[in-house]
Amino acid sequence: MSCVYEISFKDCVDNYVGSCIDLHKRKINHKSNCFNENSKHYNSKLYQFIRENNYDWEDVIFEVLEHHDDILDKLELRKREQHFIDVLKPTFNTFKAYRTEEQLKEYNRENGKKHRQENPEYYKEKGKKYYEANREKIHKKYDCCCKGKYTYQSKARHIKSKIHQDYLCNLEKN
């Protein structure tokens, strides 16, 4: 039995929206993540808030926002969760539950660009290591069927060259 749920607290406007296939198991998982220092989610905003405000687990309110007997696909469930995140604007959700392919591409492009700008030495070193590991491949000359030559790095340029294009046109004519 799938559902989208909200976690809230008495006398507090802060909340969290999540989704799951089994709410009972998810509650147990939330409690474990909240109090287990070895959990990778231990320092999430939600769990920090619970600990900092000395909430007992009984003070945590789980409310089912939407119940689904027919949704077993996690992707569909995440889409429904994202709908409620967009509507309710919960304070403890730090990540989107679902992104369209275009949103994901934009997110990755922006974060990759930001990471490259913040870590230029890392990328410089990564480039050097790649060059050292692939030096022979990069500089090796390949023979083309059009009698031209190209390197690994110049293959795309060679394929667009007049010599190669003329060769392809002659092939098509014959």
N, C-alpha and C. Protein backbone atom coordinates (compact mmCIF):
# COMPACT_ATOMS: atom_id res chain seq x y z
N MET A 1 0.83 -1.18 0.00
CA MET A 1 0.00 0.00 0.00
C MET A 1 0.88 1.25 0.00
N SER A 2 1.00 1.91 -1.13
CA SER A 2 1.84 3.09 -1.29
C SER A 2 1.14 4.32 -0.75
N CYS A 3 1.96 5.30 -0.34
CA CYS A 3 1.36 6.56 0.10
C CYS A 3 2.36 7.70 0.01
N VAL A 4 1.81 8.90 -0.01
CA VAL A 4 2.59 10.12 0.16
C VAL A 4 2.20 10.62 1.55
N TYR A 5 3.19 10.95 2.36
CA TYR A 5 2.91 11.32 3.75
C TYR A 5 3.61 12.62 4.11
N GLU A 6 3.14 13.20 5.21
CA GLU A 6 3.73 14.42 5.76
C GLU A 6 4.15 14.14 7.19
N ILE A 7 5.33 14.62 7.54
CA ILE A 7 5.78 14.59 8.94
C ILE A 7 5.68 16.01 9.46
N SER A 8 4.99 16.17 10.58
CA SER A 8 4.86 17.48 11.21
C SER A 8 4.96 17.30 12.73
N PHE A 9 4.85 18.42 13.43
CA PHE A 9 5.04 18.40 14.89
C PHE A 9 3.99 19.29 15.54
N LYS A 10 3.62 18.95 16.78
CA LYS A 10 2.67 19.76 17.53
C LYS A 10 3.26 21.16 17.73
N ASP A 11 2.44 22.17 17.58
CA ASP A 11 2.84 23.56 17.81
C ASP A 11 4.03 23.99 16.95
N CYS A 12 4.10 23.51 15.71
CA CYS A 12 5.22 23.86 14.84
C CYS A 12 4.74 23.84 13.39
N VAL A 13 5.17 24.81 12.59
CA VAL A 13 4.74 24.87 11.20
C VAL A 13 5.68 24.11 10.26
N ASP A 14 6.87 23.74 10.75
CA ASP A 14 7.82 23.03 9.91
C ASP A 14 7.32 21.62 9.59
N ASN A 15 7.62 21.17 8.37
CA ASN A 15 7.14 19.86 7.96
C ASN A 15 8.07 19.21 6.93
N TYR A 16 7.77 17.97 6.60
CA TYR A 16 8.52 17.17 5.63
C TYR A 16 7.52 16.33 4.85
N VAL A 17 7.73 16.18 3.56
CA VAL A 17 6.88 15.34 2.72
C VAL A 17 7.72 14.20 2.17
N GLY A 18 7.17 12.99 2.25
CA GLY A 18 7.86 11.82 1.71
C GLY A 18 6.88 10.87 1.08
N SER A 19 7.43 9.82 0.50
CA SER A 19 6.57 8.78 -0.08
C SER A 19 7.19 7.43 0.20
N CYS A 20 6.36 6.40 0.20
CA CYS A 20 6.87 5.06 0.49
C CYS A 20 5.89 4.00 0.02
N ILE A 21 6.38 2.79 -0.02
CA ILE A 21 5.54 1.64 -0.36
C ILE A 21 4.88 1.10 0.90
N ASP A 22 5.64 1.13 2.03
CA ASP A 22 5.15 0.59 3.30
C ASP A 22 5.41 1.62 4.40
N LEU A 23 4.36 2.31 4.86
CA LEU A 23 4.51 3.40 5.83
C LEU A 23 5.07 2.90 7.17
N HIS A 24 4.66 1.74 7.61
CA HIS A 24 5.15 1.21 8.88
C HIS A 24 6.68 1.04 8.84
N LYS A 25 7.18 0.44 7.78
CA LYS A 25 8.63 0.25 7.63
C LYS A 25 9.34 1.59 7.52
N ARG A 26 8.70 2.54 6.83
CA ARG A 26 9.32 3.86 6.64
C ARG A 26 9.42 4.61 7.96
N LYS A 27 8.41 4.49 8.82
CA LYS A 27 8.47 5.13 10.15
C LYS A 27 9.65 4.58 10.95
N ILE A 28 9.81 3.28 10.91
CA ILE A 28 10.93 2.63 11.62
C ILE A 28 12.25 3.14 11.06
N ASN A 29 12.32 3.26 9.74
CA ASN A 29 13.53 3.73 9.08
C ASN A 29 13.83 5.19 9.47
N HIS A 30 12.79 6.04 9.51
CA HIS A 30 12.99 7.44 9.93
C HIS A 30 13.54 7.49 11.35
N LYS A 31 12.97 6.72 12.25
CA LYS A 31 13.41 6.72 13.65
C LYS A 31 14.86 6.27 13.75
N SER A 32 15.21 5.24 13.02
CA SER A 32 16.59 4.73 13.02
C SER A 32 17.55 5.79 12.49
N ASN A 33 17.21 6.42 11.36
CA ASN A 33 18.07 7.45 10.78
C ASN A 33 18.25 8.64 11.72
N CYS A 34 17.21 8.94 12.46
CA CYS A 34 17.23 10.10 13.35
C CYS A 34 18.20 9.92 14.52
N PHE A 35 18.23 8.71 15.08
CA PHE A 35 19.00 8.51 16.30
C PHE A 35 20.27 7.67 16.13
N ASN A 36 20.51 7.16 14.95
CA ASN A 36 21.69 6.34 14.69
C ASN A 36 22.79 7.22 14.08
N GLU A 37 23.82 7.51 14.84
CA GLU A 37 24.89 8.39 14.38
C GLU A 37 25.63 7.83 13.17
N ASN A 38 25.54 6.53 12.93
CA ASN A 38 26.21 5.92 11.78
C ASN A 38 25.39 6.02 10.50
N SER A 39 24.17 6.48 10.59
CA SER A 39 23.31 6.62 9.41
C SER A 39 23.82 7.77 8.54
N LYS A 40 23.84 7.58 7.23
CA LYS A 40 24.30 8.66 6.35
C LYS A 40 23.31 9.82 6.33
N HIS A 41 22.08 9.61 6.81
CA HIS A 41 21.07 10.66 6.85
C HIS A 41 20.94 11.31 8.24
N TYR A 42 21.80 10.92 9.16
CA TYR A 42 21.74 11.38 10.54
C TYR A 42 21.71 12.91 10.64
N ASN A 43 22.47 13.59 9.78
CA ASN A 43 22.56 15.05 9.87
C ASN A 43 21.59 15.79 8.95
N SER A 44 20.55 15.12 8.49
CA SER A 44 19.58 15.82 7.66
C SER A 44 18.84 16.86 8.51
N LYS A 45 18.29 17.87 7.85
CA LYS A 45 17.61 18.96 8.56
C LYS A 45 16.48 18.44 9.45
N LEU A 46 15.71 17.49 8.96
CA LEU A 46 14.58 16.94 9.72
C LEU A 46 15.06 16.29 11.02
N TYR A 47 16.04 15.43 10.91
CA TYR A 47 16.51 14.69 12.09
C TYR A 47 17.25 15.60 13.07
N GLN A 48 17.98 16.57 12.57
CA GLN A 48 18.64 17.53 13.46
C GLN A 48 17.59 18.32 14.24
N PHE A 49 16.53 18.72 13.56
CA PHE A 49 15.47 19.46 14.21
C PHE A 49 14.83 18.65 15.34
N ILE A 50 14.56 17.38 15.07
CA ILE A 50 13.94 16.51 16.08
C ILE A 50 14.85 16.41 17.30
N ARG A 51 16.12 16.18 17.07
CA ARG A 51 17.06 16.02 18.21
C ARG A 51 17.27 17.34 18.95
N GLU A 52 17.46 18.44 18.20
CA GLU A 52 17.73 19.73 18.82
C GLU A 52 16.56 20.22 19.67
N ASN A 53 15.35 19.85 19.30
CA ASN A 53 14.16 20.28 20.04
C ASN A 53 13.67 19.23 21.02
N ASN A 54 14.48 18.21 21.22
CA ASN A 54 14.19 17.15 22.19
C ASN A 54 12.79 16.55 22.02
N TYR A 55 12.39 16.36 20.77
CA TYR A 55 11.12 15.71 20.52
C TYR A 55 11.23 14.22 20.80
N ASP A 56 10.22 13.70 21.46
CA ASP A 56 10.10 12.24 21.58
C ASP A 56 9.54 11.76 20.25
N TRP A 57 9.80 10.52 19.93
CA TRP A 57 9.31 10.01 18.66
C TRP A 57 7.77 10.03 18.60
N GLU A 58 7.14 10.00 19.78
CA GLU A 58 5.68 10.07 19.85
C GLU A 58 5.15 11.44 19.45
N ASP A 59 6.02 12.48 19.51
CA ASP A 59 5.63 13.84 19.13
C ASP A 59 5.66 14.06 17.62
N VAL A 60 6.23 13.10 16.90
CA VAL A 60 6.32 13.20 15.45
C VAL A 60 5.00 12.71 14.85
N ILE A 61 4.36 13.58 14.07
CA ILE A 61 3.05 13.26 13.50
C ILE A 61 3.21 12.84 12.04
N PHE A 62 2.79 11.63 11.74
CA PHE A 62 2.77 11.13 10.36
C PHE A 62 1.34 11.23 9.86
N GLU A 63 1.14 11.95 8.78
CA GLU A 63 -0.19 12.08 8.19
C GLU A 63 -0.13 11.63 6.73
N VAL A 64 -0.99 10.71 6.36
CA VAL A 64 -1.05 10.25 4.98
C VAL A 64 -1.79 11.31 4.17
N LEU A 65 -1.11 11.85 3.17
CA LEU A 65 -1.70 12.88 2.30
C LEU A 65 -2.45 12.25 1.13
N GLU A 66 -1.93 11.11 0.67
CA GLU A 66 -2.52 10.45 -0.48
C GLU A 66 -2.21 8.96 -0.37
N HIS A 67 -3.21 8.17 -0.53
CA HIS A 67 -3.09 6.71 -0.38
C HIS A 67 -3.27 6.07 -1.74
N HIS A 68 -2.40 5.10 -2.08
CA HIS A 68 -2.50 4.45 -3.40
C HIS A 68 -2.42 2.94 -3.25
N ASP A 69 -3.45 2.27 -3.68
CA ASP A 69 -3.40 0.81 -3.74
C ASP A 69 -2.81 0.36 -5.06
N ASP A 70 -2.90 1.24 -6.07
CA ASP A 70 -2.51 0.84 -7.41
C ASP A 70 -1.09 1.25 -7.81
N ILE A 71 -0.47 2.19 -7.11
CA ILE A 71 0.87 2.64 -7.49
C ILE A 71 1.92 1.80 -6.77
N LEU A 72 2.63 1.01 -7.53
CA LEU A 72 3.74 0.25 -6.99
C LEU A 72 5.05 0.74 -7.59
N ASP A 73 4.97 1.50 -8.67
CA ASP A 73 6.13 2.04 -9.35
C ASP A 73 6.67 3.23 -8.54
N LYS A 74 7.91 3.14 -8.10
CA LYS A 74 8.49 4.20 -7.27
C LYS A 74 8.58 5.52 -8.01
N LEU A 75 8.81 5.48 -9.32
CA LEU A 75 8.89 6.71 -10.10
C LEU A 75 7.56 7.46 -10.06
N GLU A 76 6.47 6.75 -10.26
CA GLU A 76 5.15 7.39 -10.19
C GLU A 76 4.88 7.95 -8.79
N LEU A 77 5.30 7.22 -7.79
CA LEU A 77 5.13 7.66 -6.40
C LEU A 77 5.94 8.93 -6.14
N ARG A 78 7.15 8.98 -6.67
CA ARG A 78 7.99 10.18 -6.50
C ARG A 78 7.38 11.39 -7.21
N LYS A 79 6.74 11.16 -8.35
CA LYS A 79 6.06 12.25 -9.05
C LYS A 79 4.95 12.82 -8.17
N ARG A 80 4.19 11.95 -7.51
CA ARG A 80 3.12 12.40 -6.61
C ARG A 80 3.71 13.13 -5.41
N GLU A 81 4.81 12.60 -4.87
CA GLU A 81 5.49 13.26 -3.75
C GLU A 81 5.93 14.66 -4.16
N GLN A 82 6.52 14.78 -5.35
CA GLN A 82 6.98 16.09 -5.81
C GLN A 82 5.82 17.06 -5.96
N HIS A 83 4.68 16.57 -6.37
CA HIS A 83 3.48 17.41 -6.47
C HIS A 83 3.18 18.04 -5.10
N PHE A 84 3.19 17.23 -4.06
CA PHE A 84 2.90 17.74 -2.71
C PHE A 84 4.02 18.65 -2.20
N ILE A 85 5.26 18.36 -2.57
CA ILE A 85 6.37 19.25 -2.19
C ILE A 85 6.17 20.62 -2.84
N ASP A 86 5.77 20.63 -4.11
CA ASP A 86 5.53 21.90 -4.80
C ASP A 86 4.37 22.67 -4.20
N VAL A 87 3.34 21.97 -3.76
CA VAL A 87 2.14 22.62 -3.21
C VAL A 87 2.36 23.07 -1.76
N LEU A 88 2.89 22.17 -0.91
CA LEU A 88 3.01 22.47 0.52
C LEU A 88 4.29 23.21 0.90
N LYS A 89 5.30 23.15 0.04
CA LYS A 89 6.60 23.79 0.28
C LYS A 89 7.14 23.45 1.68
N PRO A 90 7.37 22.17 1.94
CA PRO A 90 7.86 21.77 3.27
C PRO A 90 9.26 22.30 3.55
N THR A 91 9.50 22.61 4.81
CA THR A 91 10.76 23.24 5.20
C THR A 91 11.93 22.25 5.30
N PHE A 92 11.64 20.98 5.52
CA PHE A 92 12.72 20.01 5.73
C PHE A 92 13.10 19.22 4.48
N ASN A 93 12.39 19.38 3.39
CA ASN A 93 12.78 18.69 2.15
C ASN A 93 13.89 19.49 1.48
N THR A 94 15.07 18.91 1.42
CA THR A 94 16.20 19.61 0.84
C THR A 94 16.44 19.23 -0.62
N PHE A 95 15.86 18.12 -1.06
CA PHE A 95 16.02 17.66 -2.43
C PHE A 95 14.66 17.47 -3.08
N LYS A 96 14.65 17.56 -4.39
CA LYS A 96 13.43 17.26 -5.13
C LYS A 96 13.23 15.76 -5.14
N ALA A 97 12.00 15.33 -5.08
CA ALA A 97 11.69 13.90 -5.15
C ALA A 97 11.73 13.43 -6.59
N TYR A 98 11.43 14.34 -7.51
CA TYR A 98 11.36 13.97 -8.92
C TYR A 98 11.74 15.18 -9.77
N ARG A 99 12.49 14.93 -10.83
CA ARG A 99 12.82 15.95 -11.82
C ARG A 99 12.55 15.37 -13.20
N THR A 100 12.04 16.21 -14.09
CA THR A 100 11.88 15.76 -15.47
C THR A 100 13.29 15.62 -16.05
N GLU A 101 13.41 14.97 -17.20
CA GLU A 101 14.73 14.81 -17.83
C GLU A 101 15.38 16.16 -18.09
N GLU A 102 14.60 17.13 -18.55
CA GLU A 102 15.15 18.46 -18.82
C GLU A 102 15.60 19.14 -17.54
N GLN A 103 14.81 19.02 -16.47
CA GLN A 103 15.20 19.60 -15.18
C GLN A 103 16.48 18.95 -14.66
N LEU A 104 16.58 17.64 -14.83
CA LEU A 104 17.76 16.90 -14.38
C LEU A 104 18.99 17.32 -15.16
N LYS A 105 18.87 17.48 -16.48
CA LYS A 105 20.00 17.93 -17.30
C LYS A 105 20.46 19.30 -16.86
N GLU A 106 19.51 20.21 -16.65
CA GLU A 106 19.85 21.56 -16.21
C GLU A 106 20.52 21.55 -14.84
N TYR A 107 19.97 20.77 -13.92
CA TYR A 107 20.54 20.64 -12.57
C TYR A 107 21.97 20.13 -12.65
N ASN A 108 22.20 19.06 -13.42
CA ASN A 108 23.53 18.48 -13.55
C ASN A 108 24.49 19.45 -14.23
N ARG A 109 24.00 20.17 -15.23
CA ARG A 109 24.84 21.14 -15.93
C ARG A 109 25.28 22.24 -14.97
N GLU A 110 24.34 22.77 -14.21
CA GLU A 110 24.66 23.86 -13.28
C GLU A 110 25.59 23.39 -12.17
N ASN A 111 25.30 22.22 -11.59
CA ASN A 111 26.14 21.73 -10.50
C ASN A 111 27.52 21.31 -11.00
N GLY A 112 27.60 20.75 -12.20
CA GLY A 112 28.89 20.38 -12.76
C GLY A 112 29.73 21.62 -13.03
N LYS A 113 29.09 22.64 -13.58
CA LYS A 113 29.78 23.90 -13.87
C LYS A 113 30.28 24.53 -12.56
N LYS A 114 29.44 24.54 -11.57
CA LYS A 114 29.80 25.10 -10.27
C LYS A 114 30.97 24.32 -9.66
N HIS A 115 30.89 22.99 -9.74
CA HIS A 115 31.95 22.15 -9.18
C HIS A 115 33.27 22.40 -9.90
N ARG A 116 33.22 22.52 -11.23
CA ARG A 116 34.44 22.78 -12.00
C ARG A 116 35.03 24.14 -11.62
N GLN A 117 34.19 25.14 -11.41
CA GLN A 117 34.66 26.47 -11.05
C GLN A 117 35.27 26.49 -9.66
N GLU A 118 34.69 25.72 -8.75
CA GLU A 118 35.18 25.69 -7.36
C GLU A 118 36.39 24.78 -7.17
N ASN A 119 36.63 23.86 -8.12
CA ASN A 119 37.72 22.89 -7.98
C ASN A 119 38.58 22.80 -9.23
N PRO A 120 39.15 23.93 -9.68
CA PRO A 120 39.93 23.88 -10.93
C PRO A 120 41.16 22.98 -10.83
N GLU A 121 41.79 22.94 -9.68
CA GLU A 121 42.99 22.09 -9.52
C GLU A 121 42.65 20.62 -9.67
N TYR A 122 41.49 20.21 -9.17
CA TYR A 122 41.06 18.83 -9.30
C TYR A 122 40.94 18.45 -10.77
N TYR A 123 40.30 19.31 -11.55
CA TYR A 123 40.09 19.01 -12.97
C TYR A 123 41.39 19.10 -13.77
N LYS A 124 42.27 19.99 -13.37
CA LYS A 124 43.57 20.08 -14.03
C LYS A 124 44.35 18.79 -13.80
N GLU A 125 44.35 18.31 -12.57
CA GLU A 125 45.04 17.06 -12.23
C GLU A 125 44.38 15.87 -12.92
N LYS A 126 43.06 15.87 -12.97
CA LYS A 126 42.33 14.79 -13.64
C LYS A 126 42.69 14.74 -15.13
N GLY A 127 42.79 15.91 -15.76
CA GLY A 127 43.18 15.98 -17.16
C GLY A 127 44.58 15.46 -17.40
N LYS A 128 45.51 15.82 -16.51
CA LYS A 128 46.89 15.33 -16.62
C LYS A 128 46.94 13.82 -16.50
N LYS A 129 46.21 13.27 -15.54
CA LYS A 129 46.20 11.82 -15.35
C LYS A 129 45.62 11.12 -16.57
N TYR A 130 44.56 11.68 -17.13
CA TYR A 130 43.96 11.08 -18.32
C TYR A 130 44.96 11.10 -19.47
N TYR A 131 45.63 12.24 -19.64
CA TYR A 131 46.60 12.36 -20.73
C TYR A 131 47.73 11.34 -20.57
N GLU A 132 48.24 11.21 -19.37
CA GLU A 132 49.33 10.25 -19.13
C GLU A 132 48.87 8.82 -19.38
N ALA A 133 47.67 8.48 -18.97
CA ALA A 133 47.16 7.12 -19.14
C ALA A 133 46.80 6.81 -20.59
N ASN A 134 46.50 7.86 -21.38
CA ASN A 134 46.03 7.64 -22.75
C ASN A 134 46.91 8.31 -23.81
N ARG A 135 48.15 8.61 -23.46
CA ARG A 135 49.05 9.32 -24.38
C ARG A 135 49.18 8.63 -25.73
N GLU A 136 49.41 7.33 -25.71
CA GLU A 136 49.58 6.60 -26.98
C GLU A 136 48.31 6.66 -27.81
N LYS A 137 47.19 6.43 -27.17
CA LYS A 137 45.91 6.45 -27.89
C LYS A 137 45.64 7.83 -28.49
N ILE A 138 45.97 8.89 -27.74
CA ILE A 138 45.72 10.26 -28.19
C ILE A 138 46.57 10.61 -29.41
N HIS A 139 47.82 10.18 -29.43
CA HIS A 139 48.74 10.55 -30.51
C HIS A 139 48.82 9.54 -31.64
N LYS A 140 48.22 8.38 -31.48
CA LYS A 140 48.29 7.35 -32.51
C LYS A 140 47.59 7.83 -33.78
N LYS A 141 48.21 7.55 -34.92
CA LYS A 141 47.63 7.90 -36.22
C LYS A 141 46.84 6.72 -36.74
N TYR A 142 45.65 6.99 -37.20
CA TYR A 142 44.78 5.97 -37.76
C TYR A 142 44.65 6.21 -39.27
N ASP A 143 44.59 5.13 -40.03
CA ASP A 143 44.37 5.22 -41.47
C ASP A 143 42.89 5.14 -41.75
N CYS A 144 42.43 6.04 -42.59
CA CYS A 144 41.02 6.06 -42.96
C CYS A 144 40.84 5.42 -44.33
N CYS A 145 39.65 4.93 -44.60
CA CYS A 145 39.35 4.31 -45.89
C CYS A 145 39.47 5.31 -47.04
N CYS A 146 39.44 6.61 -46.73
CA CYS A 146 39.56 7.63 -47.77
C CYS A 146 41.02 7.96 -48.05
N LYS A 147 41.93 7.19 -47.48
CA LYS A 147 43.38 7.35 -47.61
C LYS A 147 43.92 8.51 -46.76
N GLY A 148 43.06 9.11 -45.96
CA GLY A 148 43.51 10.15 -45.05
C GLY A 148 43.97 9.55 -43.73
N LYS A 149 44.56 10.39 -42.89
CA LYS A 149 45.01 9.95 -41.58
C LYS A 149 44.42 10.90 -40.53
N TYR A 150 44.18 10.36 -39.35
CA TYR A 150 43.66 11.18 -38.27
C TYR A 150 44.13 10.61 -36.94
N THR A 151 44.10 11.45 -35.90
CA THR A 151 44.40 10.99 -34.54
C THR A 151 43.08 10.80 -33.82
N TYR A 152 43.14 10.22 -32.65
CA TYR A 152 41.95 9.99 -31.83
C TYR A 152 41.20 11.31 -31.62
N GLN A 153 41.95 12.37 -31.34
CA GLN A 153 41.33 13.67 -31.06
C GLN A 153 40.78 14.35 -32.31
N SER A 154 41.31 14.01 -33.48
CA SER A 154 40.88 14.73 -34.69
C SER A 154 39.92 13.92 -35.57
N LYS A 155 39.43 12.81 -35.08
CA LYS A 155 38.57 11.96 -35.90
C LYS A 155 37.31 12.70 -36.36
N ALA A 156 36.64 13.39 -35.46
CA ALA A 156 35.41 14.10 -35.82
C ALA A 156 35.69 15.16 -36.87
N ARG A 157 36.79 15.86 -36.73
CA ARG A 157 37.15 16.89 -37.71
C ARG A 157 37.46 16.25 -39.07
N HIS A 158 38.18 15.11 -39.04
CA HIS A 158 38.53 14.42 -40.27
C HIS A 158 37.28 13.97 -41.02
N ILE A 159 36.30 13.42 -40.30
CA ILE A 159 35.08 12.92 -40.93
C ILE A 159 34.33 14.05 -41.63
N LYS A 160 34.46 15.26 -41.13
CA LYS A 160 33.81 16.42 -41.75
C LYS A 160 34.65 17.04 -42.87
N SER A 161 35.90 16.59 -43.02
CA SER A 161 36.81 17.19 -43.99
C SER A 161 36.34 16.97 -45.42
N LYS A 162 36.79 17.83 -46.32
CA LYS A 162 36.42 17.75 -47.73
C LYS A 162 36.90 16.43 -48.34
N ILE A 163 38.12 16.00 -48.00
CA ILE A 163 38.66 14.75 -48.55
C ILE A 163 37.75 13.58 -48.19
N HIS A 164 37.35 13.50 -46.94
CA HIS A 164 36.52 12.39 -46.50
C HIS A 164 35.12 12.48 -47.11
N GLN A 165 34.55 13.66 -47.13
CA GLN A 165 33.21 13.84 -47.70
C GLN A 165 33.18 13.52 -49.19
N ASP A 166 34.24 13.94 -49.91
CA ASP A 166 34.33 13.61 -51.34
C ASP A 166 34.40 12.10 -51.53
N TYR A 167 35.16 11.44 -50.68
CA TYR A 167 35.29 9.98 -50.77
C TYR A 167 33.91 9.33 -50.57
N LEU A 168 33.15 9.80 -49.58
CA LEU A 168 31.82 9.24 -49.33
C LEU A 168 30.88 9.48 -50.51
N CYS A 169 30.96 10.66 -51.12
CA CYS A 169 30.13 10.97 -52.29
C CYS A 169 30.46 10.04 -53.44
N ASN A 170 31.74 9.77 -53.65
CA ASN A 170 32.18 8.85 -54.73
C ASN A 170 31.69 7.45 -54.46
N LEU A 171 31.65 7.05 -53.19
CA LEU A 171 31.15 5.72 -52.84
C LEU A 171 29.68 5.58 -53.20
N GLU A 172 28.92 6.62 -52.89
CA GLU A 172 27.48 6.61 -53.15
C GLU A 172 27.19 6.56 -54.65
N LYS A 173 28.04 7.23 -55.45
CA LYS A 173 27.84 7.25 -56.90
C LYS A 173 28.09 5.87 -57.51
N ASN A 174 29.04 5.16 -56.94
CA ASN A 174 29.39 3.82 -57.49
C ASN A 174 28.46 2.82 -56.98
